[in-house]
Amino acid sequence: MVDGGCAAGVAGKARYRRQPVPDAEGGMKLDPFVVEVIRHGLSAAAEEMSLVMTRSARSPLLREAGDLSSAITDGHGGLVGQGRDIPIHLGAMAYTIPELLKVMPRDGLNDGDVVIYNVGALGGNHLNDVKVVRPVFFEGEIVAFAVSLAHWPDIGGTWPGSYFAKAVDTFQEALRIPPVLIATGAGVNAPIVQLLKANVRDAESCEGDLLAQIAATKAGEKRIVELCREHGKAVFMATQSRLHDLSEIEMREALRDLPDGVYEGEDYLDDGSDNNAPARIHVKITIRGDEATFDLSGSCDRVSNFCNTTPFMARSAVAYAARIMSGRDMTQNAGALRPLTIITRPGSILEPGWTASVAAGNHETSMRIVDAIFRAMQDTIPERLSAGGATTAGVLFFAEPRQNGSWRMLYEVHGGGEGARHNRAGTAATRVHLSNTSNTPVEVIEANYAIRLEQQAIRRHSGGAGAHRGGDGSVRTYRILAPSMHLTTCIERMVIAPWGMQGGYPGKACRISLVRQGANVAIDGKSNLVLQQDDLVTIEMCGGGGYGAAK
């Protein structure tokens, strides 16, 4: 299947294959200290990219909440360096450049080129996650790619914020951007910028965020070129290959330490399956020696809401869970994926086709894959895992129309309870697993939006009981001060609460309420509605599951 005329669909069964290694490595003996210096240099370059983004971006979602990620790949797209950003983004970046190069070959790129795109077939997430990619040249050759991913608060579509719960396809969700040059050595491509600004609701923020991404990739390029100059191109490129090999070795050693066998687990999204029943995510893990297969084909069919996701998100979730299973703080790069085979099924919620609605799949469905894997392994390596936690972003998206025809956007996530572990209670009011974003400070919200925060608190006793209790969720109450405001809710764990482990009890489920003129108004966890002035919206996040039988 082709996405937007840009890329072929991925196969249902995927193993990450070794990318071609530059000839420069042949016969070269690498100093292990130099390898470590370059490894840390690549990570530092990605960290600096993220810092440039948070200091330069216009949207509070990026500069306050940090819904962005940065990565460095080798010259063929193999992930070699990443910031301390968001695992679900970073896992997908292992596929982003290899897929891009299938439709935009290396020999067609020039020094100074910067590419923008968001289509799902190219190692994609949901459409709000816009990628800006810069090939890094040294001595006339591409030696790396600098990748900046940022969640744009709005990218067009049916509903402000580009989350439309009832979307029947991705065309209702957002503007689809195939790979296109947003800048060249001559400067920014102004017509493309104008095209983007004409199709989003907050053009000013969109332009500011885009320019911040371009600047971030420039910062990454500068640091990569410095590494090449200091150590030489041949050593730099050979080191990238060596880093892949080291991570592969470490992952294989970790898998050998696990008992061979077949392990199965499942968990459920609240709804979206046939007759709006809970949507099943199922995994069968087969461990044989130093390799593992994660078969997700038993998951439910494509769902009727925006909780479908791309195969790349499924692979990202598996990569994260495999690292947790390993019990090691290993470097995540392309090499660590080589021992893993990940299977999805065409037509399923995890491979629904490139026209399916996928807005919520990034942070809801991907989390359920992690839960299913943990449940599969909970009796084998319980000391490495945690009970079920707040594996939902708990999104409330407020969109305020302004008199000039533009919109002011607040995309807000909420922390819940972490699942307890074998040796401690869960942390309260936090994001878990694949997420790594902050909430927006009250002062920033009240200074920039027609909203007053009337409550911010811990939801006491929402964590599940056990030998160690699950963490408590958070509570936030928003009063609307504008004449009207559009609201999107995207909240899981309202029906199926976070699960307990080893005899622990589940945490309490999420709740959301709307009070209008003193009366309670029904509101769903996945909905789009228009709020009125003085409406009061309260979200109560779920607690984490307990660990072990209570004494």
Protein backbone atom coordinates (compact mmCIF):
# COMPACT_ATOMS: atom_id res chain seq x y z
CA MET A 1 0.00 0.00 0.00
CA VAL A 2 1.24 3.49 -0.76
CA ASP A 3 0.85 6.41 1.68
CA GLY A 4 0.19 9.70 -0.02
CA GLY A 5 2.04 8.50 -3.11
CA CYS A 6 5.21 8.37 -1.05
CA ALA A 7 6.06 4.99 0.39
CA ALA A 8 5.30 1.33 0.23
CA GLY A 9 3.58 -0.25 3.22
CA VAL A 10 5.62 -2.36 5.62
CA ALA A 11 5.30 -6.12 5.75
CA GLY A 12 3.43 -7.77 8.58
CA LYS A 13 6.58 -9.54 9.81
CA ALA A 14 9.65 -7.41 10.38
CA ARG A 15 13.17 -8.03 11.59
CA TYR A 16 15.49 -5.04 11.76
CA ARG A 17 18.34 -5.93 9.38
CA ARG A 18 21.91 -4.72 9.58
CA GLN A 19 22.41 -1.62 7.45
CA PRO A 20 25.34 -1.49 5.01
CA VAL A 21 28.58 -0.68 6.83
CA PRO A 22 30.90 1.94 5.30
CA ASP A 23 34.09 0.50 3.84
CA ALA A 24 36.09 2.74 6.16
CA GLU A 25 35.84 0.15 8.93
CA GLY A 26 37.76 -2.55 7.03
CA GLY A 27 40.73 -3.68 9.06
CA MET A 28 40.49 -0.69 11.43
CA LYS A 29 41.19 -1.29 15.11
CA LEU A 30 39.12 1.15 17.11
CA ASP A 31 40.30 2.54 20.43
CA PRO A 32 37.49 1.68 22.92
CA PHE A 33 37.99 5.02 24.65
CA VAL A 34 37.43 6.86 21.37
CA VAL A 35 34.31 4.78 20.78
CA GLU A 36 32.96 5.92 24.15
CA VAL A 37 33.88 9.54 23.49
CA ILE A 38 32.02 9.49 20.17
CA ARG A 39 29.05 7.64 21.71
CA HIS A 40 28.68 10.31 24.37
CA GLY A 41 29.28 13.01 21.78
CA LEU A 42 26.36 11.73 19.73
CA SER A 43 24.10 11.65 22.78
CA ALA A 44 25.21 15.16 23.73
CA ALA A 45 24.43 16.38 20.21
CA ALA A 46 20.89 15.00 20.49
CA GLU A 47 20.52 16.54 23.95
CA GLU A 48 21.59 19.92 22.60
CA MET A 49 19.05 19.61 19.80
CA SER A 50 16.26 19.13 22.34
CA LEU A 51 17.55 22.07 24.39
CA VAL A 52 17.46 24.30 21.30
CA MET A 53 13.86 23.20 20.74
CA THR A 54 12.66 23.93 24.27
CA ARG A 55 14.38 27.33 24.27
CA SER A 56 13.14 28.31 20.80
CA ALA A 57 9.69 26.76 20.27
CA ARG A 58 6.58 28.90 20.39
CA SER A 59 4.03 26.36 21.70
CA PRO A 60 3.81 25.70 25.47
CA LEU A 61 3.41 22.02 24.60
CA LEU A 62 7.02 22.04 23.39
CA ARG A 63 8.75 24.63 25.55
CA GLU A 64 6.98 23.71 28.81
CA ALA A 65 5.73 20.11 28.48
CA GLY A 66 8.57 18.93 26.24
CA ASP A 67 6.54 16.86 23.78
CA LEU A 68 9.51 16.49 21.44
CA SER A 69 12.46 14.21 20.76
CA SER A 70 15.82 14.41 19.02
CA ALA A 71 17.96 11.70 17.48
CA ILE A 72 21.10 11.11 15.44
CA THR A 73 21.36 8.29 12.92
CA ASP A 74 24.29 7.05 10.90
CA GLY A 75 24.52 7.85 7.20
CA HIS A 76 22.20 4.95 6.30
CA GLY A 77 19.55 5.66 8.94
CA GLY A 78 20.60 3.39 11.80
CA LEU A 79 19.83 5.07 15.14
CA VAL A 80 23.06 5.85 17.02
CA GLY A 81 22.30 8.72 19.40
CA GLN A 82 19.26 10.09 21.18
CA GLY A 83 18.25 12.64 23.77
CA ARG A 84 16.61 11.85 27.09
CA ASP A 85 13.27 12.40 25.47
CA ILE A 86 10.17 10.29 24.81
CA PRO A 87 10.66 6.52 24.32
CA ILE A 88 7.74 6.08 21.93
CA HIS A 89 9.23 8.74 19.63
CA LEU A 90 12.77 7.42 19.88
CA GLY A 91 11.83 3.82 19.17
CA ALA A 92 10.11 4.85 15.96
CA MET A 93 13.15 6.87 14.91
CA ALA A 94 14.98 3.59 14.38
CA TYR A 95 12.80 3.24 11.26
CA THR A 96 12.27 6.86 10.23
CA ILE A 97 15.35 7.44 8.06
CA PRO A 98 15.54 3.96 6.46
CA GLU A 99 11.92 4.39 5.33
CA LEU A 100 12.56 7.96 4.16
CA LEU A 101 15.53 6.86 2.05
CA LYS A 102 13.31 4.43 0.16
CA VAL A 103 11.49 7.38 -1.40
CA MET A 104 14.15 10.10 -1.14
CA PRO A 105 17.48 8.43 -1.91
CA ARG A 106 20.76 9.63 -0.43
CA ASP A 107 22.25 10.59 -3.78
CA GLY A 108 19.45 13.11 -4.31
CA LEU A 109 20.21 15.02 -1.10
CA ASN A 110 22.55 17.99 -0.90
CA ASP A 111 24.42 19.79 1.84
CA GLY A 112 22.02 22.25 3.47
CA ASP A 113 18.86 20.30 2.62
CA VAL A 114 16.23 19.91 5.34
CA VAL A 115 13.25 17.57 4.84
CA ILE A 116 9.86 17.77 6.59
CA TYR A 117 7.18 15.05 6.69
CA ASN A 118 4.62 13.34 8.93
CA VAL A 119 3.04 10.54 6.85
CA GLY A 120 2.73 7.27 8.72
CA ALA A 121 4.32 4.97 6.16
CA LEU A 122 7.72 6.59 6.64
CA GLY A 123 8.47 5.21 10.09
CA GLY A 124 5.60 7.29 11.34
CA ASN A 125 3.71 8.12 14.49
CA HIS A 126 0.46 10.07 14.44
CA LEU A 127 0.22 13.06 12.13
CA ASN A 128 0.78 15.65 14.87
CA ASP A 129 4.34 14.32 15.21
CA VAL A 130 6.16 16.28 12.53
CA LYS A 131 9.70 15.23 11.67
CA VAL A 132 12.38 17.59 10.39
CA VAL A 133 15.48 15.81 9.06
CA ARG A 134 18.87 17.21 8.02
CA PRO A 135 21.48 15.07 6.24
CA VAL A 136 24.90 15.88 7.69
CA PHE A 137 27.72 16.05 5.15
CA PHE A 138 31.43 15.84 5.83
CA GLU A 139 34.02 15.87 3.08
CA GLY A 140 31.25 15.55 0.50
CA GLU A 141 29.58 12.46 2.02
CA ILE A 142 26.53 11.96 4.23
CA VAL A 143 27.89 10.73 7.56
CA ALA A 144 24.75 11.12 9.67
CA PHE A 145 21.21 12.47 9.87
CA ALA A 146 19.94 14.87 12.55
CA VAL A 147 16.25 14.26 13.30
CA SER A 148 13.92 16.58 15.21
CA LEU A 149 10.43 15.33 16.06
CA ALA A 150 7.87 17.68 17.60
CA HIS A 151 4.19 17.30 18.39
CA TRP A 152 2.47 20.24 16.72
CA PRO A 153 -0.57 21.33 18.78
CA ASP A 154 -2.63 21.62 15.60
CA ILE A 155 -2.00 20.38 12.10
CA GLY A 156 -5.37 20.98 10.52
CA GLY A 157 -8.13 18.45 10.05
CA THR A 158 -11.74 18.31 11.20
CA TRP A 159 -11.37 19.38 14.82
CA PRO A 160 -9.09 21.91 16.54
CA GLY A 161 -6.01 20.08 17.77
CA SER A 162 -6.28 17.38 15.07
CA TYR A 163 -7.72 14.76 17.43
CA PHE A 164 -11.13 13.78 16.07
CA ALA A 165 -12.49 10.88 18.10
CA LYS A 166 -14.98 9.71 15.48
CA ALA A 167 -12.67 10.04 12.50
CA VAL A 168 -13.31 7.27 9.98
CA ASP A 169 -9.93 7.81 8.32
CA THR A 170 -6.73 9.81 8.63
CA PHE A 171 -7.90 12.43 6.12
CA GLN A 172 -10.33 13.71 8.76
CA GLU A 173 -7.56 13.99 11.30
CA ALA A 174 -4.90 16.30 9.94
CA LEU A 175 -2.83 17.63 7.07
CA ARG A 176 -0.64 14.87 5.60
CA ILE A 177 2.85 16.04 4.67
CA PRO A 178 4.86 13.86 2.27
CA PRO A 179 8.65 14.33 2.29
CA VAL A 180 9.45 17.77 0.94
CA LEU A 181 12.39 20.15 1.25
CA ILE A 182 11.52 22.76 3.87
CA ALA A 183 14.97 24.33 3.47
CA THR A 184 18.04 24.13 1.26
CA GLY A 185 21.46 25.73 1.30
CA ALA A 186 19.75 28.85 -0.07
CA GLY A 187 17.44 29.18 2.95
CA VAL A 188 13.94 28.29 4.11
CA ASN A 189 11.45 27.24 1.42
CA ALA A 190 8.93 30.04 1.91
CA PRO A 191 6.13 28.61 -0.31
CA ILE A 192 6.08 25.37 1.69
CA VAL A 193 5.99 27.33 4.95
CA GLN A 194 3.06 29.33 3.61
CA LEU A 195 1.28 26.14 2.58
CA LEU A 196 1.65 24.73 6.09
CA LYS A 197 0.53 27.96 7.75
CA ALA A 198 -2.56 28.08 5.52
CA ASN A 199 -3.69 24.66 6.79
CA VAL A 200 -3.25 24.98 10.56
CA ARG A 201 -5.28 26.94 13.10
CA ASP A 202 -2.41 28.68 14.89
CA ALA A 203 -0.11 29.71 12.06
CA GLU A 204 2.12 31.87 14.24
CA SER A 205 2.95 29.02 16.65
CA CYS A 206 3.31 26.61 13.75
CA GLU A 207 5.96 28.78 12.09
CA GLY A 208 7.81 29.33 15.35
CA ASP A 209 7.90 25.62 16.16
CA LEU A 210 9.01 24.73 12.64
CA LEU A 211 11.89 27.21 12.69
CA ALA A 212 12.92 25.84 16.08
CA GLN A 213 13.09 22.34 14.61
CA ILE A 214 15.22 23.53 11.71
CA ALA A 215 17.54 25.28 14.18
CA ALA A 216 17.74 22.11 16.29
CA THR A 217 18.94 20.04 13.34
CA LYS A 218 21.52 22.73 12.57
CA ALA A 219 22.85 22.42 16.11
CA GLY A 220 23.07 18.65 15.69
CA GLU A 221 24.93 19.07 12.42
CA LYS A 222 27.48 21.36 14.05
CA ARG A 223 28.33 18.83 16.77
CA ILE A 224 28.54 15.90 14.34
CA VAL A 225 30.92 17.80 12.07
CA GLU A 226 33.07 18.64 15.11
CA LEU A 227 33.31 14.92 15.96
CA CYS A 228 34.35 14.12 12.39
CA ARG A 229 37.01 16.81 12.40
CA GLU A 230 38.39 15.70 15.75
CA HIS A 231 38.52 11.96 15.09
CA GLY A 232 38.46 11.71 11.30
CA LYS A 233 35.62 10.61 9.04
CA ALA A 234 36.78 6.99 8.83
CA VAL A 235 36.94 6.57 12.62
CA PHE A 236 33.60 8.34 13.09
CA MET A 237 31.77 6.12 10.61
CA ALA A 238 33.44 2.94 11.84
CA THR A 239 32.50 3.85 15.41
CA GLN A 240 28.83 4.17 14.46
CA SER A 241 28.93 0.64 13.09
CA ARG A 242 30.71 -0.57 16.21
CA LEU A 243 28.04 0.98 18.45
CA HIS A 244 25.37 -1.04 16.63
CA ASP A 245 27.39 -4.22 17.12
CA LEU A 246 27.92 -3.57 20.83
CA SER A 247 24.21 -3.07 21.45
CA GLU A 248 23.40 -6.22 19.48
CA ILE A 249 25.85 -8.19 21.62
CA GLU A 250 24.34 -6.80 24.81
CA MET A 251 20.76 -7.57 23.75
CA ARG A 252 21.69 -11.12 22.74
CA GLU A 253 23.40 -11.69 26.09
CA ALA A 254 20.30 -10.41 27.88
CA LEU A 255 18.01 -12.72 25.91
CA ARG A 256 20.25 -15.72 26.66
CA ASP A 257 19.80 -14.97 30.36
CA LEU A 258 16.01 -15.39 30.04
CA PRO A 259 14.52 -18.90 30.09
CA ASP A 260 13.56 -20.25 26.69
CA GLY A 261 9.83 -20.61 26.25
CA VAL A 262 6.58 -19.20 24.94
CA TYR A 263 4.84 -16.52 27.01
CA GLU A 264 1.45 -14.93 26.30
CA GLY A 265 -0.22 -11.84 27.68
CA GLU A 266 -3.03 -9.47 26.85
CA ASP A 267 -4.60 -6.22 27.90
CA TYR A 268 -7.49 -4.12 26.64
CA LEU A 269 -8.33 -0.62 25.52
CA ASP A 270 -11.62 0.58 26.98
CA ASP A 271 -13.63 0.43 23.75
CA GLY A 272 -13.58 0.58 19.95
CA SER A 273 -13.93 -3.10 19.07
CA ASP A 274 -17.09 -4.80 17.76
CA ASN A 275 -20.19 -3.24 19.33
CA ASN A 276 -17.80 -0.83 21.05
CA ALA A 277 -16.48 -3.60 23.27
CA PRO A 278 -12.97 -3.40 24.79
CA ALA A 279 -10.24 -3.73 22.17
CA ARG A 280 -7.81 -6.60 22.77
CA ILE A 281 -4.04 -6.30 22.52
CA HIS A 282 -2.39 -9.72 22.60
CA VAL A 283 1.25 -10.77 22.46
CA LYS A 284 2.94 -14.17 22.18
CA ILE A 285 6.62 -13.99 23.07
CA THR A 286 8.91 -16.79 21.95
CA ILE A 287 12.43 -16.77 23.40
CA ARG A 288 14.96 -19.14 21.84
CA GLY A 289 18.58 -18.64 22.82
CA ASP A 290 19.71 -15.14 21.91
CA GLU A 291 16.66 -14.19 19.84
CA ALA A 292 13.06 -13.30 20.65
CA THR A 293 9.88 -13.08 18.59
CA PHE A 294 7.01 -10.82 19.63
CA ASP A 295 3.89 -11.90 17.77
CA LEU A 296 1.13 -9.26 18.06
CA SER A 297 -1.06 -10.71 15.33
CA GLY A 298 -3.66 -11.90 17.86
CA SER A 299 -4.66 -8.31 18.60
CA CYS A 300 -8.11 -7.11 17.53
CA ASP A 301 -9.05 -5.76 14.12
CA ARG A 302 -8.89 -2.08 13.18
CA VAL A 303 -11.06 -0.16 15.67
CA SER A 304 -13.79 2.40 15.07
CA ASN A 305 -12.11 5.31 16.83
CA PHE A 306 -8.71 7.04 16.74
CA CYS A 307 -6.89 4.34 18.75
CA ASN A 308 -5.42 2.52 15.76
CA THR A 309 -1.67 2.87 15.43
CA THR A 310 1.13 2.23 12.95
CA PRO A 311 3.36 -0.88 12.89
CA PHE A 312 6.28 1.39 13.76
CA MET A 313 4.60 2.34 17.02
CA ALA A 314 4.11 -1.33 17.79
CA ARG A 315 7.82 -1.97 17.18
CA SER A 316 8.78 1.02 19.30
CA ALA A 317 6.72 -0.31 22.21
CA VAL A 318 8.29 -3.77 21.86
CA ALA A 319 11.81 -2.28 21.77
CA TYR A 320 11.11 -0.42 25.01
CA ALA A 321 9.65 -3.48 26.72
CA ALA A 322 12.56 -5.66 25.58
CA ARG A 323 15.00 -3.26 27.24
CA ILE A 324 13.03 -3.50 30.49
CA MET A 325 12.95 -7.30 30.22
CA SER A 326 16.73 -7.30 29.79
CA GLY A 327 17.29 -5.76 33.21
CA ARG A 328 20.15 -3.74 31.71
CA ASP A 329 20.70 -0.07 31.11
CA MET A 330 21.79 -0.71 27.55
CA THR A 331 22.31 1.84 24.82
CA GLN A 332 19.29 1.92 22.54
CA ASN A 333 20.26 1.95 18.90
CA ALA A 334 19.61 0.02 15.71
CA GLY A 335 21.84 -2.87 16.78
CA ALA A 336 19.69 -3.66 19.81
CA LEU A 337 16.80 -4.44 17.47
CA ARG A 338 18.60 -7.06 15.40
CA PRO A 339 17.78 -10.04 17.70
CA LEU A 340 14.07 -9.09 17.78
CA THR A 341 11.41 -10.24 15.35
CA ILE A 342 8.17 -8.27 15.63
CA ILE A 343 5.01 -9.48 13.91
CA THR A 344 1.84 -7.48 13.28
CA ARG A 345 -1.19 -8.43 11.21
CA PRO A 346 -2.53 -6.41 8.25
CA GLY A 347 -6.02 -5.15 9.07
CA SER A 348 -5.43 -5.21 12.82
CA ILE A 349 -5.39 -2.28 15.23
CA LEU A 350 -1.57 -2.35 14.98
CA GLU A 351 -1.41 -2.45 11.18
CA PRO A 352 -4.71 -0.89 10.09
CA GLY A 353 -3.54 0.50 6.74
CA TRP A 354 -2.17 3.95 6.02
CA THR A 355 -5.58 5.62 5.80
CA ALA A 356 -6.76 4.64 9.30
CA SER A 357 -7.25 7.23 12.05
CA VAL A 358 -4.30 6.93 14.45
CA ALA A 359 -4.19 10.09 16.59
CA ALA A 360 -4.55 8.34 19.96
CA GLY A 361 -2.59 5.22 19.05
CA ASN A 362 0.71 6.93 19.83
CA HIS A 363 0.18 7.22 23.57
CA GLU A 364 -2.74 4.88 24.28
CA THR A 365 -2.45 1.74 22.14
CA SER A 366 1.33 1.62 22.31
CA MET A 367 1.09 1.61 26.10
CA ARG A 368 -1.26 -1.35 26.00
CA ILE A 369 1.39 -3.32 24.10
CA VAL A 370 3.79 -2.73 26.99
CA ASP A 371 1.12 -3.82 29.47
CA ALA A 372 0.47 -7.01 27.49
CA ILE A 373 4.22 -7.82 27.41
CA PHE A 374 4.58 -7.18 31.14
CA ARG A 375 1.61 -9.44 31.85
CA ALA A 376 3.15 -12.15 29.69
CA MET A 377 6.41 -12.01 31.67
CA GLN A 378 5.13 -11.19 35.16
CA ASP A 379 5.66 -14.69 36.56
CA THR A 380 9.09 -15.11 34.93
CA ILE A 381 10.88 -11.85 35.79
CA PRO A 382 8.56 -10.12 38.32
CA GLU A 383 11.50 -8.30 39.95
CA ARG A 384 12.15 -6.39 36.70
CA LEU A 385 8.58 -5.27 36.07
CA SER A 386 5.98 -3.02 37.64
CA ALA A 387 2.25 -3.50 38.06
CA GLY A 388 -0.14 -1.69 35.74
CA GLY A 389 0.19 2.08 35.85
CA ALA A 390 -1.36 5.15 34.28
CA THR A 391 -0.69 3.98 30.75
CA THR A 392 -2.79 6.77 29.29
CA ALA A 393 -1.84 10.33 28.46
CA GLY A 394 -5.07 11.60 30.00
CA VAL A 395 -5.30 14.26 27.30
CA LEU A 396 -7.50 17.31 27.65
CA PHE A 397 -7.12 19.56 24.61
CA PHE A 398 -8.57 23.04 24.92
CA ALA A 399 -8.91 25.18 21.78
CA GLU A 400 -10.00 28.80 22.12
CA PRO A 401 -11.19 30.68 19.02
CA ARG A 402 -9.83 34.21 18.75
CA GLN A 403 -11.35 37.28 17.13
CA ASN A 404 -8.76 37.33 14.35
CA GLY A 405 -9.86 33.87 13.18
CA SER A 406 -6.93 31.98 14.65
CA TRP A 407 -6.98 29.65 17.65
CA ARG A 408 -5.09 29.39 20.92
CA MET A 409 -4.27 25.74 21.75
CA LEU A 410 -3.60 24.02 25.07
CA TYR A 411 -2.71 20.34 24.80
CA GLU A 412 -2.45 19.07 28.37
CA VAL A 413 -1.45 15.63 29.65
CA HIS A 414 -2.00 14.39 33.19
CA GLY A 415 0.01 12.11 35.42
CA GLY A 416 -1.46 9.11 37.17
CA GLY A 417 -0.21 6.45 39.54
CA GLU A 418 2.82 4.32 38.75
CA GLY A 419 2.42 0.60 39.32
CA ALA A 420 4.13 -0.76 42.42
CA ARG A 421 7.25 -2.93 42.19
CA HIS A 422 8.60 -5.85 44.18
CA ASN A 423 10.59 -3.54 46.45
CA ARG A 424 8.65 -0.27 46.63
CA ALA A 425 5.35 1.55 46.23
CA GLY A 426 4.45 3.28 43.00
CA THR A 427 5.13 6.97 42.49
CA ALA A 428 2.14 9.32 42.53
CA ALA A 429 1.11 11.69 39.72
CA THR A 430 3.68 10.73 37.09
CA ARG A 431 3.93 9.60 33.47
CA VAL A 432 5.05 6.02 32.99
CA HIS A 433 6.75 3.85 30.38
CA LEU A 434 6.75 5.31 26.87
CA SER A 435 5.91 8.87 27.84
CA ASN A 436 8.22 11.48 29.26
CA THR A 437 6.41 14.81 29.15
CA SER A 438 5.54 17.26 31.91
CA ASN A 439 2.30 19.05 32.64
CA THR A 440 2.04 22.76 31.92
CA PRO A 441 2.51 24.92 35.03
CA VAL A 442 -0.63 26.58 36.35
CA GLU A 443 0.96 30.01 35.98
CA VAL A 444 1.66 29.44 32.28
CA ILE A 445 -1.90 28.26 31.62
CA GLU A 446 -3.54 31.17 33.40
CA ALA A 447 -1.21 33.72 31.77
CA ASN A 448 -1.83 32.46 28.22
CA TYR A 449 -5.35 31.02 28.12
CA ALA A 450 -8.86 32.01 29.22
CA ILE A 451 -8.80 29.23 31.82
CA ARG A 452 -8.53 29.26 35.59
CA LEU A 453 -7.12 26.24 37.44
CA GLU A 454 -9.28 25.76 40.51
CA GLN A 455 -7.77 22.54 41.80
CA GLN A 456 -4.51 20.65 41.45
CA ALA A 457 -4.14 17.80 43.88
CA ILE A 458 -3.25 14.15 44.49
CA ARG A 459 -6.16 11.72 44.18
CA ARG A 460 -5.64 10.09 47.53
CA HIS A 461 -6.14 6.32 47.93
CA SER A 462 -6.54 5.75 44.18
CA GLY A 463 -3.54 3.39 44.07
CA GLY A 464 -4.22 -0.33 44.44
CA ALA A 465 -3.53 -2.11 47.71
CA GLY A 466 -0.84 -4.73 48.09
CA ALA A 467 2.39 -5.51 49.89
CA HIS A 468 3.43 -2.33 48.08
CA ARG A 469 0.70 0.12 47.09
CA GLY A 470 0.27 1.57 43.65
CA GLY A 471 0.90 5.27 43.22
CA ASP A 472 -1.98 7.74 43.44
CA GLY A 473 -3.30 9.67 40.48
CA SER A 474 -3.63 13.42 40.09
CA VAL A 475 -6.67 15.72 40.00
CA ARG A 476 -7.05 18.93 38.02
CA THR A 477 -10.07 21.21 37.66
CA TYR A 478 -10.34 23.77 34.85
CA ARG A 479 -12.84 26.65 34.78
CA ILE A 480 -13.55 28.10 31.34
CA LEU A 481 -13.42 31.91 31.21
CA ALA A 482 -13.85 32.38 27.44
CA PRO A 483 -17.33 32.66 25.85
CA SER A 484 -16.72 29.25 24.25
CA MET A 485 -13.93 26.73 23.97
CA HIS A 486 -13.56 23.44 22.10
CA LEU A 487 -12.54 20.43 24.16
CA THR A 488 -11.10 17.08 23.11
CA THR A 489 -10.79 14.25 25.62
CA CYS A 490 -8.49 11.31 24.99
CA ILE A 491 -8.41 9.22 28.15
CA GLU A 492 -8.03 5.47 28.58
CA ARG A 493 -8.22 3.43 31.80
CA MET A 494 -11.75 4.71 32.46
CA VAL A 495 -13.32 1.27 32.09
CA ILE A 496 -10.41 -1.13 32.62
CA ALA A 497 -8.31 -0.03 35.59
CA PRO A 498 -4.53 -0.55 35.92
CA TRP A 499 -3.88 -4.12 36.97
CA GLY A 500 -2.18 -5.43 40.09
CA MET A 501 0.77 -7.84 40.04
CA GLN A 502 1.56 -10.92 42.14
CA GLY A 503 -1.64 -10.63 44.18
CA GLY A 504 -1.80 -6.84 44.32
CA TYR A 505 -5.10 -5.05 43.72
CA PRO A 506 -5.87 -2.84 40.72
CA GLY A 507 -5.84 0.92 41.02
CA LYS A 508 -8.93 3.07 40.59
CA ALA A 509 -9.98 3.94 37.05
CA CYS A 510 -9.84 7.44 35.56
CA ARG A 511 -12.83 9.74 35.82
CA ILE A 512 -13.79 12.94 34.04
CA SER A 513 -16.67 15.28 34.84
CA LEU A 514 -18.24 18.42 33.42
CA VAL A 515 -20.34 20.72 35.58
CA ARG A 516 -22.46 23.31 33.74
CA GLN A 517 -24.64 25.74 35.65
CA GLY A 518 -24.55 23.46 38.67
CA ALA A 519 -25.62 20.34 36.77
CA ASN A 520 -23.47 17.35 35.83
CA VAL A 521 -23.14 16.77 32.08
CA ALA A 522 -22.12 13.36 30.75
CA ILE A 523 -18.72 13.36 29.08
CA ASP A 524 -16.86 10.46 27.49
CA GLY A 525 -13.18 9.60 27.61
CA LYS A 526 -12.89 10.00 23.84
CA SER A 527 -14.98 12.94 22.72
CA ASN A 528 -15.11 16.33 21.02
CA LEU A 529 -17.44 18.99 22.42
CA VAL A 530 -17.87 22.73 22.80
CA LEU A 531 -17.62 24.20 26.29
CA GLN A 532 -19.41 27.28 27.56
CA GLN A 533 -18.21 30.08 29.77
CA ASP A 534 -18.03 29.07 33.45
CA ASP A 535 -18.03 25.34 32.66
CA LEU A 536 -15.99 23.30 35.13
CA VAL A 537 -13.99 20.31 33.82
CA THR A 538 -12.35 17.92 36.30
CA ILE A 539 -10.07 15.02 35.45
CA GLU A 540 -9.20 12.41 38.06
CA MET A 541 -6.37 10.20 36.88
CA CYS A 542 -6.16 6.50 37.64
CA GLY A 543 -4.03 4.99 40.38
CA GLY A 544 -1.38 2.35 39.80
CA GLY A 545 -1.81 -1.31 40.61
CA GLY A 546 -0.47 -2.79 43.82
CA TYR A 547 2.30 -5.41 44.02
CA GLY A 548 2.03 -8.55 46.14
CA ALA A 549 -0.67 -9.68 48.52
CA ALA A 550 -1.42 -7.20 51.29
CA LYS A 551 -0.19 -8.37 54.71
